[in-house]
Amino acid sequence: ILRQGQMIAQQKGICADLCEWRID
């Protein structure tokens, strides 16, 4: 989860505005 989150954070302002954590 944190590995995926890091990838998303790196795309902030490029192709990611927010993150959804699918806890299921």
PDB file of all heavy atoms in Angstrom:
ATOM      1  N   ILE A   1       0.834  -1.201   0.000  1.00  0.00           N
ATOM      2  CA  ILE A   1       0.000   0.000   0.000  1.00  0.00           C
ATOM      3  C   ILE A   1       0.869   1.250   0.000  1.00  0.00           C
ATOM      4  O   ILE A   1       0.629   2.183  -0.776  1.00  0.00           O
ATOM      5  CB  ILE A   1      -0.954  -0.022   1.212  1.00  0.00           C
ATOM      6  CG1 ILE A   1      -2.039  -1.092   0.993  1.00  0.00           C
ATOM      7  CG2 ILE A   1      -1.587   1.348   1.456  1.00  0.00           C
ATOM      8  CD1 ILE A   1      -2.784  -1.471   2.252  1.00  0.00           C
ATOM      9  N   LEU A   2       1.887   1.283   0.826  1.00  0.00           N
ATOM     10  CA  LEU A   2       2.754   2.453   0.877  1.00  0.00           C
ATOM     11  C   LEU A   2       3.583   2.584  -0.397  1.00  0.00           C
ATOM     12  O   LEU A   2       3.875   3.710  -0.843  1.00  0.00           O
ATOM     13  CB  LEU A   2       3.665   2.395   2.099  1.00  0.00           C
ATOM     14  CG  LEU A   2       2.955   2.436   3.458  1.00  0.00           C
ATOM     15  CD1 LEU A   2       3.970   2.650   4.575  1.00  0.00           C
ATOM     16  CD2 LEU A   2       1.901   3.544   3.512  1.00  0.00           C
ATOM     17  N   ARG A   3       3.951   1.469  -0.997  1.00  0.00           N
ATOM     18  CA  ARG A   3       4.695   1.522  -2.262  1.00  0.00           C
ATOM     19  C   ARG A   3       3.826   2.144  -3.357  1.00  0.00           C
ATOM     20  O   ARG A   3       4.285   3.002  -4.120  1.00  0.00           O
ATOM     21  CB  ARG A   3       5.126   0.102  -2.658  1.00  0.00           C
ATOM     22  CG  ARG A   3       6.122   0.064  -3.809  1.00  0.00           C
ATOM     23  CD  ARG A   3       6.568  -1.353  -4.093  1.00  0.00           C
ATOM     24  NE  ARG A   3       7.156  -1.979  -2.909  1.00  0.00           N
ATOM     25  CZ  ARG A   3       6.625  -3.008  -2.253  1.00  0.00           C
ATOM     26  NH1 ARG A   3       5.484  -3.532  -2.654  1.00  0.00           N
ATOM     27  NH2 ARG A   3       7.239  -3.515  -1.196  1.00  0.00           N
ATOM     28  N   GLN A   4       2.572   1.718  -3.415  1.00  0.00           N
ATOM     29  CA  GLN A   4       1.660   2.305  -4.395  1.00  0.00           C
ATOM     30  C   GLN A   4       1.395   3.778  -4.088  1.00  0.00           C
ATOM     31  O   GLN A   4       1.328   4.622  -4.990  1.00  0.00           O
ATOM     32  CB  GLN A   4       0.345   1.535  -4.417  1.00  0.00           C
ATOM     33  CG  GLN A   4       0.472   0.132  -4.991  1.00  0.00           C
ATOM     34  CD  GLN A   4      -0.853  -0.626  -4.961  1.00  0.00           C
ATOM     35  OE1 GLN A   4      -1.919  -0.050  -4.765  1.00  0.00           O
ATOM     36  NE2 GLN A   4      -0.778  -1.928  -5.152  1.00  0.00           N
ATOM     37  N   GLY A   5       1.246   4.085  -2.802  1.00  0.00           N
ATOM     38  CA  GLY A   5       1.024   5.470  -2.409  1.00  0.00           C
ATOM     39  C   GLY A   5       2.165   6.383  -2.811  1.00  0.00           C
ATOM     40  O   GLY A   5       1.950   7.531  -3.229  1.00  0.00           O
ATOM     41  N   GLN A   6       3.387   5.897  -2.685  1.00  0.00           N
ATOM     42  CA  GLN A   6       4.558   6.684  -3.076  1.00  0.00           C
ATOM     43  C   GLN A   6       4.531   6.988  -4.564  1.00  0.00           C
ATOM     44  O   GLN A   6       4.835   8.110  -4.998  1.00  0.00           O
ATOM     45  CB  GLN A   6       5.841   5.924  -2.720  1.00  0.00           C
ATOM     46  CG  GLN A   6       7.131   6.681  -3.050  1.00  0.00           C
ATOM     47  CD  GLN A   6       7.271   7.949  -2.238  1.00  0.00           C
ATOM     48  OE1 GLN A   6       7.162   7.928  -1.020  1.00  0.00           O
ATOM     49  NE2 GLN A   6       7.500   9.065  -2.897  1.00  0.00           N
ATOM     50  N   MET A   7       4.156   5.998  -5.383  1.00  0.00           N
ATOM     51  CA  MET A   7       4.056   6.214  -6.825  1.00  0.00           C
ATOM     52  C   MET A   7       3.023   7.284  -7.146  1.00  0.00           C
ATOM     53  O   MET A   7       3.239   8.140  -8.016  1.00  0.00           O
ATOM     54  CB  MET A   7       3.676   4.901  -7.521  1.00  0.00           C
ATOM     55  CG  MET A   7       4.744   3.836  -7.514  1.00  0.00           C
ATOM     56  SD  MET A   7       4.117   2.270  -8.208  1.00  0.00           S
ATOM     57  CE  MET A   7       3.571   2.807  -9.832  1.00  0.00           C
ATOM     58  N   ILE A   8       1.906   7.247  -6.443  1.00  0.00           N
ATOM     59  CA  ILE A   8       0.846   8.222  -6.685  1.00  0.00           C
ATOM     60  C   ILE A   8       1.292   9.613  -6.256  1.00  0.00           C
ATOM     61  O   ILE A   8       1.071  10.603  -6.967  1.00  0.00           O
ATOM     62  CB  ILE A   8      -0.437   7.803  -5.949  1.00  0.00           C
ATOM     63  CG1 ILE A   8      -0.972   6.497  -6.560  1.00  0.00           C
ATOM     64  CG2 ILE A   8      -1.497   8.898  -6.018  1.00  0.00           C
ATOM     65  CD1 ILE A   8      -2.079   5.857  -5.758  1.00  0.00           C
ATOM     66  N   ALA A   9       1.934   9.707  -5.099  1.00  0.00           N
ATOM     67  CA  ALA A   9       2.408  11.002  -4.602  1.00  0.00           C
ATOM     68  C   ALA A   9       3.367  11.661  -5.594  1.00  0.00           C
ATOM     69  O   ALA A   9       3.374  12.890  -5.746  1.00  0.00           O
ATOM     70  CB  ALA A   9       3.080  10.831  -3.248  1.00  0.00           C
ATOM     71  N   GLN A  10       4.164  10.854  -6.269  1.00  0.00           N
ATOM     72  CA  GLN A  10       5.126  11.383  -7.243  1.00  0.00           C
ATOM     73  C   GLN A  10       4.431  11.970  -8.475  1.00  0.00           C
ATOM     74  O   GLN A  10       5.042  12.742  -9.221  1.00  0.00           O
ATOM     75  CB  GLN A  10       6.106  10.289  -7.666  1.00  0.00           C
ATOM     76  CG  GLN A  10       7.054   9.874  -6.564  1.00  0.00           C
ATOM     77  CD  GLN A  10       7.861   8.636  -6.913  1.00  0.00           C
ATOM     78  OE1 GLN A  10       7.637   7.986  -7.946  1.00  0.00           O
ATOM     79  NE2 GLN A  10       8.826   8.305  -6.062  1.00  0.00           N
ATOM     80  N   GLN A  11       3.175  11.604  -8.679  1.00  0.00           N
ATOM     81  CA  GLN A  11       2.428  12.094  -9.843  1.00  0.00           C
ATOM     82  C   GLN A  11       1.491  13.254  -9.500  1.00  0.00           C
ATOM     83  O   GLN A  11       0.690  13.674 -10.335  1.00  0.00           O
ATOM     84  CB  GLN A  11       1.611  10.943 -10.452  1.00  0.00           C
ATOM     85  CG  GLN A  11       2.452   9.811 -11.000  1.00  0.00           C
ATOM     86  CD  GLN A  11       3.420  10.280 -12.073  1.00  0.00           C
ATOM     87  OE1 GLN A  11       3.045  11.038 -12.954  1.00  0.00           O
ATOM     88  NE2 GLN A  11       4.665   9.832 -11.993  1.00  0.00           N
ATOM     89  N   LYS A  12       1.604  13.778  -8.285  1.00  0.00           N
ATOM     90  CA  LYS A  12       0.767  14.903  -7.874  1.00  0.00           C
ATOM     91  C   LYS A  12       0.992  16.091  -8.812  1.00  0.00           C
ATOM     92  O   LYS A  12       2.124  16.487  -9.064  1.00  0.00           O
ATOM     93  CB  LYS A  12       1.084  15.306  -6.433  1.00  0.00           C
ATOM     94  CG  LYS A  12       0.222  16.449  -5.912  1.00  0.00           C
ATOM     95  CD  LYS A  12       0.580  16.793  -4.471  1.00  0.00           C
ATOM     96  CE  LYS A  12      -0.288  17.938  -3.950  1.00  0.00           C
ATOM     97  NZ  LYS A  12       0.061  18.305  -2.549  1.00  0.00           N
ATOM     98  N   GLY A  13      -0.102  16.637  -9.332  1.00  0.00           N
ATOM     99  CA  GLY A  13      -0.015  17.771 -10.235  1.00  0.00           C
ATOM    100  C   GLY A  13       0.326  17.399 -11.654  1.00  0.00           C
ATOM    101  O   GLY A  13       0.369  18.266 -12.535  1.00  0.00           O
ATOM    102  N   ILE A  14       0.573  16.109 -11.897  1.00  0.00           N
ATOM    103  CA  ILE A  14       0.892  15.639 -13.252  1.00  0.00           C
ATOM    104  C   ILE A  14      -0.292  14.845 -13.799  1.00  0.00           C
ATOM    105  O   ILE A  14      -0.936  15.249 -14.764  1.00  0.00           O
ATOM    106  CB  ILE A  14       2.176  14.784 -13.265  1.00  0.00           C
ATOM    107  CG1 ILE A  14       3.352  15.591 -12.709  1.00  0.00           C
ATOM    108  CG2 ILE A  14       2.474  14.293 -14.675  1.00  0.00           C
ATOM    109  CD1 ILE A  14       4.610  14.789 -12.497  1.00  0.00           C
ATOM    110  N   CYS A  15      -0.588  13.726 -13.127  1.00  0.00           N
ATOM    111  CA  CYS A  15      -1.747  12.938 -13.551  1.00  0.00           C
ATOM    112  C   CYS A  15      -2.484  12.349 -12.353  1.00  0.00           C
ATOM    113  O   CYS A  15      -3.204  11.355 -12.488  1.00  0.00           O
ATOM    114  CB  CYS A  15      -1.348  11.838 -14.539  1.00  0.00           C
ATOM    115  SG  CYS A  15      -0.179  10.630 -13.873  1.00  0.00           S
ATOM    116  N   ALA A  16      -2.288  12.950 -11.183  1.00  0.00           N
ATOM    117  CA  ALA A  16      -2.986  12.498  -9.978  1.00  0.00           C
ATOM    118  C   ALA A  16      -3.363  13.704  -9.124  1.00  0.00           C
ATOM    119  O   ALA A  16      -2.518  14.534  -8.802  1.00  0.00           O
ATOM    120  CB  ALA A  16      -2.099  11.541  -9.168  1.00  0.00           C
ATOM    121  N   ASP A  17      -4.643  13.796  -8.783  1.00  0.00           N
ATOM    122  CA  ASP A  17      -5.128  14.870  -7.928  1.00  0.00           C
ATOM    123  C   ASP A  17      -5.484  14.373  -6.535  1.00  0.00           C
ATOM    124  O   ASP A  17      -5.407  15.129  -5.563  1.00  0.00           O
ATOM    125  CB  ASP A  17      -6.369  15.520  -8.547  1.00  0.00           C
ATOM    126  CG  ASP A  17      -6.063  16.167  -9.885  1.00  0.00           C
ATOM    127  OD1 ASP A  17      -5.183  17.040  -9.923  1.00  0.00           O
ATOM    128  OD2 ASP A  17      -6.682  15.785 -10.897  1.00  0.00           O
ATOM    129  N   LEU A  18      -5.906  13.131  -6.436  1.00  0.00           N
ATOM    130  CA  LEU A  18      -6.193  12.529  -5.145  1.00  0.00           C
ATOM    131  C   LEU A  18      -6.026  11.020  -5.235  1.00  0.00           C
ATOM    132  O   LEU A  18      -5.916  10.461  -6.326  1.00  0.00           O
ATOM    133  CB  LEU A  18      -7.584  12.884  -4.620  1.00  0.00           C
ATOM    134  CG  LEU A  18      -8.825  12.422  -5.374  1.00  0.00           C
ATOM    135  CD1 LEU A  18     -10.048  12.474  -4.446  1.00  0.00           C
ATOM    136  CD2 LEU A  18      -9.107  13.308  -6.582  1.00  0.00           C
ATOM    137  N   CYS A  19      -5.996  10.388  -4.070  1.00  0.00           N
ATOM    138  CA  CYS A  19      -5.745   8.949  -3.970  1.00  0.00           C
ATOM    139  C   CYS A  19      -6.937   8.274  -3.305  1.00  0.00           C
ATOM    140  O   CYS A  19      -7.512   8.804  -2.351  1.00  0.00           O
ATOM    141  CB  CYS A  19      -4.472   8.730  -3.145  1.00  0.00           C
ATOM    142  SG  CYS A  19      -4.131   7.012  -2.688  1.00  0.00           S
ATOM    143  N   GLU A  20      -7.312   7.118  -3.819  1.00  0.00           N
ATOM    144  CA  GLU A  20      -8.352   6.312  -3.172  1.00  0.00           C
ATOM    145  C   GLU A  20      -7.716   5.052  -2.592  1.00  0.00           C
ATOM    146  O   GLU A  20      -7.057   4.294  -3.305  1.00  0.00           O
ATOM    147  CB  GLU A  20      -9.427   5.884  -4.176  1.00  0.00           C
ATOM    148  CG  GLU A  20     -10.509   5.013  -3.527  1.00  0.00           C
ATOM    149  CD  GLU A  20     -11.500   4.425  -4.525  1.00  0.00           C
ATOM    150  OE1 GLU A  20     -11.070   4.032  -5.630  1.00  0.00           O
ATOM    151  OE2 GLU A  20     -12.689   4.350  -4.196  1.00  0.00           O
ATOM    152  N   TRP A  21      -7.911   4.836  -1.297  1.00  0.00           N
ATOM    153  CA  TRP A  21      -7.457   3.596  -0.675  1.00  0.00           C
ATOM    154  C   TRP A  21      -8.630   2.635  -0.621  1.00  0.00           C
ATOM    155  O   TRP A  21      -9.601   2.867   0.093  1.00  0.00           O
ATOM    156  CB  TRP A  21      -6.920   3.856   0.730  1.00  0.00           C
ATOM    157  CG  TRP A  21      -6.406   2.606   1.412  1.00  0.00           C
ATOM    158  CD1 TRP A  21      -6.003   1.455   0.810  1.00  0.00           C
ATOM    159  CD2 TRP A  21      -6.247   2.406   2.820  1.00  0.00           C
ATOM    160  NE1 TRP A  21      -5.595   0.539   1.748  1.00  0.00           N
ATOM    161  CE2 TRP A  21      -5.733   1.098   2.997  1.00  0.00           C
ATOM    162  CE3 TRP A  21      -6.479   3.198   3.944  1.00  0.00           C
ATOM    163  CZ2 TRP A  21      -5.477   0.560   4.256  1.00  0.00           C
ATOM    164  CZ3 TRP A  21      -6.208   2.675   5.191  1.00  0.00           C
ATOM    165  CH2 TRP A  21      -5.710   1.372   5.346  1.00  0.00           C
ATOM    166  N   ARG A  22      -8.519   1.537  -1.375  1.00  0.00           N
ATOM    167  CA  ARG A  22      -9.548   0.506  -1.399  1.00  0.00           C
ATOM    168  C   ARG A  22      -9.266  -0.495  -0.290  1.00  0.00           C
ATOM    169  O   ARG A  22      -8.545  -1.471  -0.476  1.00  0.00           O
ATOM    170  CB  ARG A  22      -9.572  -0.156  -2.777  1.00  0.00           C
ATOM    171  CG  ARG A  22     -10.283   0.660  -3.852  1.00  0.00           C
ATOM    172  CD  ARG A  22     -11.793   0.640  -3.650  1.00  0.00           C
ATOM    173  NE  ARG A  22     -12.290  -0.716  -3.690  1.00  0.00           N
ATOM    174  CZ  ARG A  22     -12.704  -1.315  -4.819  1.00  0.00           C
ATOM    175  NH1 ARG A  22     -12.709  -0.657  -5.967  1.00  0.00           N
ATOM    176  NH2 ARG A  22     -13.142  -2.556  -4.797  1.00  0.00           N
ATOM    177  N   ILE A  23      -9.834  -0.256   0.871  1.00  0.00           N
ATOM    178  CA  ILE A  23      -9.496  -1.079   2.030  1.00  0.00           C
ATOM    179  C   ILE A  23     -10.094  -2.482   1.942  1.00  0.00           C
ATOM    180  O   ILE A  23      -9.677  -3.374   2.700  1.00  0.00           O
ATOM    181  CB  ILE A  23      -9.902  -0.405   3.353  1.00  0.00           C
ATOM    182  CG1 ILE A  23     -11.426  -0.281   3.474  1.00  0.00           C
ATOM    183  CG2 ILE A  23      -9.228   0.948   3.503  1.00  0.00           C
ATOM    184  CD1 ILE A  23     -11.879   0.167   4.860  1.00  0.00           C
ATOM    185  N   ASP A  24     -11.046  -2.718   1.025  1.00  0.00           N
ATOM    186  CA  ASP A  24     -11.559  -4.084   0.872  1.00  0.00           C
ATOM    187  C   ASP A  24     -10.494  -5.023   0.319  1.00  0.00           C
ATOM    188  O   ASP A  24     -10.633  -6.251   0.418  1.00  0.00           O
ATOM    189  CB  ASP A  24     -12.807  -4.111  -0.012  1.00  0.00           C
ATOM    190  CG  ASP A  24     -12.625  -3.392  -1.337  1.00  0.00           C
ATOM    191  OD1 ASP A  24     -12.368  -2.166  -1.303  1.00  0.00           O
ATOM    192  OD2 ASP A  24     -12.749  -4.031  -2.392  1.00  0.00           O
TER     193      ASP A  24
END
